[in-house]
Amino acid sequence: WDHHRLVKENLQIKFSELNEALGSLVTELKAQNRFDDVTIVVASEFARTITPNSGGGSDHAWGGHYFMIGGNVKGGKVYGKYPDNITPDGALNLGRGRILPTTSWDCIWNSVCQWMGVDEESELDVCLPNRGNAAGDIGNGFTSLFGQGDLFEPASRRQLDVDADADVDRRGALLRGQRN
């Protein structure tokens, strides 16, 4: 995925491979009646420039991307704030097509943590120690943190029937850094 050369050609190949792999996984999850119990988050630790380099590729940049798949994910939507101006004069363009992000990693993971049952603010802060710095409601230009209801459909009956004691035990072990 680190396409410093021939980005268009390489992306076609990689997207086909990713589509086939994710399609197989989703088919199997549905066959096992587990699709509503799984959320897949695909993210990049860095982005690419929106302007090409001399090799027909792109270079490392800052603003990244995420996508989610799952039976309870509210699909078919784009979240976050797209830059108003991506030209070199745009406020978020740091030069050479490097775009400053507006939707933090923490925005996405906040909703995923809630979907997994982490619902106390203090627990969310343990899971996402930087979420307070990434919330758009503090006037820093970021998108506000997403909650469970923003990215997920209401819980399925099967999710609601989970043994509450076991759920608390797993969550407690997670917060203590233990495996359960």
C-alpha atoms as a PDB file:
ATOM      1  CA  TRP A   1       0.000   0.000   0.000  1.00  0.00           C
ATOM      2  CA  ASP A   2       3.044   2.263   0.148  1.00  0.00           C
ATOM      3  CA  HIS A   3       2.796   3.367  -3.471  1.00  0.00           C
ATOM      4  CA  HIS A   4       5.549   5.841  -4.178  1.00  0.00           C
ATOM      5  CA  ARG A   5       5.314   4.702  -7.807  1.00  0.00           C
ATOM      6  CA  LEU A   6       2.460   3.804 -10.152  1.00  0.00           C
ATOM      7  CA  VAL A   7      -0.288   4.478  -7.612  1.00  0.00           C
ATOM      8  CA  LYS A   8      -3.220   4.004 -10.016  1.00  0.00           C
ATOM      9  CA  GLU A   9      -2.058   0.617 -11.272  1.00  0.00           C
ATOM     10  CA  ASN A  10      -1.074  -0.637  -7.820  1.00  0.00           C
ATOM     11  CA  LEU A  11      -4.308   0.521  -6.173  1.00  0.00           C
ATOM     12  CA  GLN A  12      -6.409  -1.388  -8.685  1.00  0.00           C
ATOM     13  CA  ILE A  13      -4.593  -4.593  -7.757  1.00  0.00           C
ATOM     14  CA  LYS A  14      -4.700  -3.945  -3.995  1.00  0.00           C
ATOM     15  CA  PHE A  15      -8.379  -2.934  -3.966  1.00  0.00           C
ATOM     16  CA  SER A  16      -9.284  -6.113  -5.878  1.00  0.00           C
ATOM     17  CA  GLU A  17      -7.358  -8.228  -3.347  1.00  0.00           C
ATOM     18  CA  LEU A  18      -8.926  -6.411  -0.388  1.00  0.00           C
ATOM     19  CA  ASN A  19     -12.419  -6.681  -1.865  1.00  0.00           C
ATOM     20  CA  GLU A  20     -12.020 -10.428  -2.411  1.00  0.00           C
ATOM     21  CA  ALA A  21     -10.654 -11.035   1.094  1.00  0.00           C
ATOM     22  CA  LEU A  22     -13.302  -8.936   2.852  1.00  0.00           C
ATOM     23  CA  GLY A  23     -16.024 -10.475   0.695  1.00  0.00           C
ATOM     24  CA  SER A  24     -14.931 -13.967   1.760  1.00  0.00           C
ATOM     25  CA  LEU A  25     -14.837 -12.966   5.420  1.00  0.00           C
ATOM     26  CA  VAL A  26     -18.298 -11.373   5.296  1.00  0.00           C
ATOM     27  CA  THR A  27     -19.720 -14.435   3.499  1.00  0.00           C
ATOM     28  CA  GLU A  28     -18.324 -16.724   6.207  1.00  0.00           C
ATOM     29  CA  LEU A  29     -19.519 -14.490   9.072  1.00  0.00           C
ATOM     30  CA  LYS A  30     -23.018 -14.468   7.592  1.00  0.00           C
ATOM     31  CA  ALA A  31     -22.937 -18.252   7.081  1.00  0.00           C
ATOM     32  CA  GLN A  32     -22.096 -18.637  10.785  1.00  0.00           C
ATOM     33  CA  ASN A  33     -24.762 -16.079  11.762  1.00  0.00           C
ATOM     34  CA  ARG A  34     -22.074 -13.878  13.378  1.00  0.00           C
ATOM     35  CA  PHE A  35     -22.028 -10.851  11.052  1.00  0.00           C
ATOM     36  CA  ASP A  36     -24.019  -8.698  13.507  1.00  0.00           C
ATOM     37  CA  ASP A  37     -21.468  -9.519  16.225  1.00  0.00           C
ATOM     38  CA  VAL A  38     -18.411  -8.290  14.325  1.00  0.00           C
ATOM     39  CA  THR A  39     -17.145  -4.874  13.352  1.00  0.00           C
ATOM     40  CA  ILE A  40     -14.155  -4.553  11.062  1.00  0.00           C
ATOM     41  CA  VAL A  41     -12.297  -1.243  11.099  1.00  0.00           C
ATOM     42  CA  VAL A  42      -9.774  -0.594   8.354  1.00  0.00           C
ATOM     43  CA  ALA A  43      -7.492   2.373   8.912  1.00  0.00           C
ATOM     44  CA  SER A  44      -4.186   3.751   7.773  1.00  0.00           C
ATOM     45  CA  GLU A  45      -1.527   4.939  10.186  1.00  0.00           C
ATOM     46  CA  PHE A  46      -0.695   7.659   7.677  1.00  0.00           C
ATOM     47  CA  ALA A  47      -2.153   9.028   4.485  1.00  0.00           C
ATOM     48  CA  ARG A  48      -0.848   9.879   1.059  1.00  0.00           C
ATOM     49  CA  THR A  49      -0.383  13.216  -0.656  1.00  0.00           C
ATOM     50  CA  ILE A  50      -3.192  14.214  -2.985  1.00  0.00           C
ATOM     51  CA  THR A  51      -0.640  15.447  -5.517  1.00  0.00           C
ATOM     52  CA  PRO A  52       1.509  12.975  -7.446  1.00  0.00           C
ATOM     53  CA  ASN A  53       5.254  12.621  -7.211  1.00  0.00           C
ATOM     54  CA  SER A  54       7.566  12.234 -10.223  1.00  0.00           C
ATOM     55  CA  GLY A  55       7.119   8.437 -10.248  1.00  0.00           C
ATOM     56  CA  GLY A  56       3.351   8.552 -10.698  1.00  0.00           C
ATOM     57  CA  GLY A  57       2.859   7.685  -7.034  1.00  0.00           C
ATOM     58  CA  SER A  58       2.257   9.670  -3.896  1.00  0.00           C
ATOM     59  CA  ASP A  59       4.255  10.386  -0.781  1.00  0.00           C
ATOM     60  CA  HIS A  60       3.532  10.139   2.931  1.00  0.00           C
ATOM     61  CA  ALA A  61       1.072  12.651   4.355  1.00  0.00           C
ATOM     62  CA  TRP A  62      -0.990  13.234   7.457  1.00  0.00           C
ATOM     63  CA  GLY A  63      -4.790  13.060   7.007  1.00  0.00           C
ATOM     64  CA  GLY A  64      -5.841   9.426   6.813  1.00  0.00           C
ATOM     65  CA  HIS A  65      -8.960   7.388   6.197  1.00  0.00           C
ATOM     66  CA  TYR A  66     -11.040   4.712   7.877  1.00  0.00           C
ATOM     67  CA  PHE A  67     -13.831   2.433   6.841  1.00  0.00           C
ATOM     68  CA  MET A  68     -16.019   0.075   8.800  1.00  0.00           C
ATOM     69  CA  ILE A  69     -17.875  -3.106   7.915  1.00  0.00           C
ATOM     70  CA  GLY A  70     -20.268  -5.058  10.079  1.00  0.00           C
ATOM     71  CA  GLY A  71     -23.845  -6.200  10.430  1.00  0.00           C
ATOM     72  CA  ASN A  72     -24.727  -3.376  12.829  1.00  0.00           C
ATOM     73  CA  VAL A  73     -22.685  -0.653  11.110  1.00  0.00           C
ATOM     74  CA  LYS A  74     -24.752   2.157   9.574  1.00  0.00           C
ATOM     75  CA  GLY A  75     -23.330   1.704   6.105  1.00  0.00           C
ATOM     76  CA  GLY A  76     -23.325   3.798   2.976  1.00  0.00           C
ATOM     77  CA  LYS A  77     -22.392   7.046   4.730  1.00  0.00           C
ATOM     78  CA  VAL A  78     -19.356   9.286   4.809  1.00  0.00           C
ATOM     79  CA  TYR A  79     -18.618  10.863   8.184  1.00  0.00           C
ATOM     80  CA  GLY A  80     -16.284  13.652   9.159  1.00  0.00           C
ATOM     81  CA  LYS A  81     -15.588  17.005   7.571  1.00  0.00           C
ATOM     82  CA  TYR A  82     -14.242  17.127   4.049  1.00  0.00           C
ATOM     83  CA  PRO A  83     -11.930  20.118   3.493  1.00  0.00           C
ATOM     84  CA  ASP A  84     -13.611  23.102   1.866  1.00  0.00           C
ATOM     85  CA  ASN A  85     -10.490  23.893  -0.149  1.00  0.00           C
ATOM     86  CA  ILE A  86      -7.795  21.349  -1.087  1.00  0.00           C
ATOM     87  CA  THR A  87      -5.854  23.714  -3.319  1.00  0.00           C
ATOM     88  CA  PRO A  88      -2.405  24.879  -2.205  1.00  0.00           C
ATOM     89  CA  ASP A  89      -4.139  27.946  -0.694  1.00  0.00           C
ATOM     90  CA  GLY A  90      -6.517  25.840   1.440  1.00  0.00           C
ATOM     91  CA  ALA A  91      -6.224  26.225   5.208  1.00  0.00           C
ATOM     92  CA  LEU A  92      -5.791  22.463   5.712  1.00  0.00           C
ATOM     93  CA  ASN A  93      -3.240  21.953   2.927  1.00  0.00           C
ATOM     94  CA  LEU A  94       0.192  21.850   4.560  1.00  0.00           C
ATOM     95  CA  GLY A  95       1.979  21.844   1.210  1.00  0.00           C
ATOM     96  CA  ARG A  96       2.546  19.243  -1.544  1.00  0.00           C
ATOM     97  CA  GLY A  97      -0.987  17.988  -1.054  1.00  0.00           C
ATOM     98  CA  ARG A  98      -0.535  17.011   2.601  1.00  0.00           C
ATOM     99  CA  ILE A  99      -3.956  17.609   4.167  1.00  0.00           C
ATOM    100  CA  LEU A 100      -4.384  18.222   7.897  1.00  0.00           C
ATOM    101  CA  PRO A 101      -6.924  15.710   9.278  1.00  0.00           C
ATOM    102  CA  THR A 102     -10.234  16.824  10.758  1.00  0.00           C
ATOM    103  CA  THR A 103     -11.503  13.474  12.037  1.00  0.00           C
ATOM    104  CA  SER A 104      -9.345  11.899  14.698  1.00  0.00           C
ATOM    105  CA  TRP A 105      -8.737   8.190  15.115  1.00  0.00           C
ATOM    106  CA  ASP A 106     -10.372   8.612  18.529  1.00  0.00           C
ATOM    107  CA  CYS A 107     -13.657   9.759  16.940  1.00  0.00           C
ATOM    108  CA  ILE A 108     -14.115   6.379  15.291  1.00  0.00           C
ATOM    109  CA  TRP A 109     -12.826   4.222  18.155  1.00  0.00           C
ATOM    110  CA  ASN A 110     -15.047   6.032  20.677  1.00  0.00           C
ATOM    111  CA  SER A 111     -18.132   4.596  18.947  1.00  0.00           C
ATOM    112  CA  VAL A 112     -16.544   1.145  18.537  1.00  0.00           C
ATOM    113  CA  CYS A 113     -15.681   1.023  22.255  1.00  0.00           C
ATOM    114  CA  GLN A 114     -19.269   1.945  23.134  1.00  0.00           C
ATOM    115  CA  TRP A 115     -20.606  -0.706  20.741  1.00  0.00           C
ATOM    116  CA  MET A 116     -18.390  -3.250  22.531  1.00  0.00           C
ATOM    117  CA  GLY A 117     -19.934  -2.270  25.874  1.00  0.00           C
ATOM    118  CA  VAL A 118     -17.548   0.350  27.239  1.00  0.00           C
ATOM    119  CA  ASP A 119     -20.033   2.987  28.302  1.00  0.00           C
ATOM    120  CA  GLU A 120     -18.611   4.812  31.318  1.00  0.00           C
ATOM    121  CA  GLU A 121     -16.714   8.027  30.525  1.00  0.00           C
ATOM    122  CA  SER A 122     -13.847   6.994  32.813  1.00  0.00           C
ATOM    123  CA  GLU A 123     -13.562   3.640  31.009  1.00  0.00           C
ATOM    124  CA  LEU A 124     -13.602   5.321  27.599  1.00  0.00           C
ATOM    125  CA  ASP A 125     -10.799   7.611  28.797  1.00  0.00           C
ATOM    126  CA  VAL A 126      -8.719   4.544  29.724  1.00  0.00           C
ATOM    127  CA  CYS A 127      -9.310   2.950  26.314  1.00  0.00           C
ATOM    128  CA  LEU A 128      -8.735   6.221  24.432  1.00  0.00           C
ATOM    129  CA  PRO A 129      -6.498   8.470  26.534  1.00  0.00           C
ATOM    130  CA  ASN A 130      -6.335  11.175  23.831  1.00  0.00           C
ATOM    131  CA  ARG A 131     -10.052  11.374  23.085  1.00  0.00           C
ATOM    132  CA  GLY A 132     -10.434  14.562  25.136  1.00  0.00           C
ATOM    133  CA  ASN A 133      -7.889  16.287  22.880  1.00  0.00           C
ATOM    134  CA  ALA A 134      -9.514  15.022  19.702  1.00  0.00           C
ATOM    135  CA  ALA A 135     -13.132  15.984  20.361  1.00  0.00           C
ATOM    136  CA  GLY A 136     -14.362  18.714  18.029  1.00  0.00           C
ATOM    137  CA  ASP A 137     -16.558  20.195  20.728  1.00  0.00           C
ATOM    138  CA  ILE A 138     -13.483  21.765  22.384  1.00  0.00           C
ATOM    139  CA  GLY A 139     -13.003  24.140  19.451  1.00  0.00           C
ATOM    140  CA  ASN A 140      -9.907  22.539  17.919  1.00  0.00           C
ATOM    141  CA  GLY A 141     -11.309  22.019  14.404  1.00  0.00           C
ATOM    142  CA  PHE A 142     -11.755  18.259  14.731  1.00  0.00           C
ATOM    143  CA  THR A 143     -14.986  16.393  14.105  1.00  0.00           C
ATOM    144  CA  SER A 144     -16.866  15.675  17.344  1.00  0.00           C
ATOM    145  CA  LEU A 145     -16.453  12.208  18.833  1.00  0.00           C
ATOM    146  CA  PHE A 146     -18.864   9.694  17.339  1.00  0.00           C
ATOM    147  CA  GLY A 147     -21.104   7.782  19.713  1.00  0.00           C
ATOM    148  CA  GLN A 148     -22.476   4.295  19.278  1.00  0.00           C
ATOM    149  CA  GLY A 149     -25.710   5.618  17.783  1.00  0.00           C
ATOM    150  CA  ASP A 150     -23.825   7.624  15.162  1.00  0.00           C
ATOM    151  CA  LEU A 151     -22.090   4.681  13.484  1.00  0.00           C
ATOM    152  CA  PHE A 152     -24.138   1.650  14.560  1.00  0.00           C
ATOM    153  CA  GLU A 153     -27.720   0.487  14.203  1.00  0.00           C
ATOM    154  CA  PRO A 154     -29.581  -0.232  17.450  1.00  0.00           C
ATOM    155  CA  ALA A 155     -28.342  -3.402  19.178  1.00  0.00           C
ATOM    156  CA  SER A 156     -29.649  -6.678  17.893  1.00  0.00           C
ATOM    157  CA  ARG A 157     -31.635  -8.930  20.223  1.00  0.00           C
ATOM    158  CA  ARG A 158     -28.653 -11.318  20.400  1.00  0.00           C
ATOM    159  CA  GLN A 159     -26.363  -8.515  21.606  1.00  0.00           C
ATOM    160  CA  LEU A 160     -28.842  -7.553  24.298  1.00  0.00           C
ATOM    161  CA  ASP A 161     -29.054 -11.158  25.518  1.00  0.00           C
ATOM    162  CA  VAL A 162     -25.326 -11.370  26.335  1.00  0.00           C
ATOM    163  CA  ASP A 163     -24.657 -12.572  29.873  1.00  0.00           C
ATOM    164  CA  ALA A 164     -24.227  -9.278  31.735  1.00  0.00           C
ATOM    165  CA  ASP A 165     -21.866 -10.709  34.355  1.00  0.00           C
ATOM    166  CA  ALA A 166     -19.522 -12.174  31.746  1.00  0.00           C
ATOM    167  CA  ASP A 167     -19.587  -8.872  29.837  1.00  0.00           C
ATOM    168  CA  VAL A 168     -18.561  -6.940  32.958  1.00  0.00           C
ATOM    169  CA  ASP A 169     -15.786  -9.464  33.685  1.00  0.00           C
ATOM    170  CA  ARG A 170     -14.373  -9.186  30.140  1.00  0.00           C
ATOM    171  CA  ARG A 171     -14.543  -5.387  30.231  1.00  0.00           C
ATOM    172  CA  GLY A 172     -12.883  -5.265  33.640  1.00  0.00           C
ATOM    173  CA  ALA A 173     -10.070  -7.520  32.448  1.00  0.00           C
ATOM    174  CA  LEU A 174      -9.591  -5.320  29.371  1.00  0.00           C
ATOM    175  CA  LEU A 175      -9.328  -2.191  31.486  1.00  0.00           C
ATOM    176  CA  ARG A 176      -6.810  -3.899  33.785  1.00  0.00           C
ATOM    177  CA  GLY A 177      -4.787  -4.968  30.726  1.00  0.00           C
ATOM    178  CA  GLN A 178      -5.469  -8.674  31.232  1.00  0.00           C
ATOM    179  CA  ARG A 179      -6.584 -11.244  28.707  1.00  0.00           C
ATOM    180  CA  ASN A 180      -9.788 -13.101  29.436  1.00  0.00           C
END
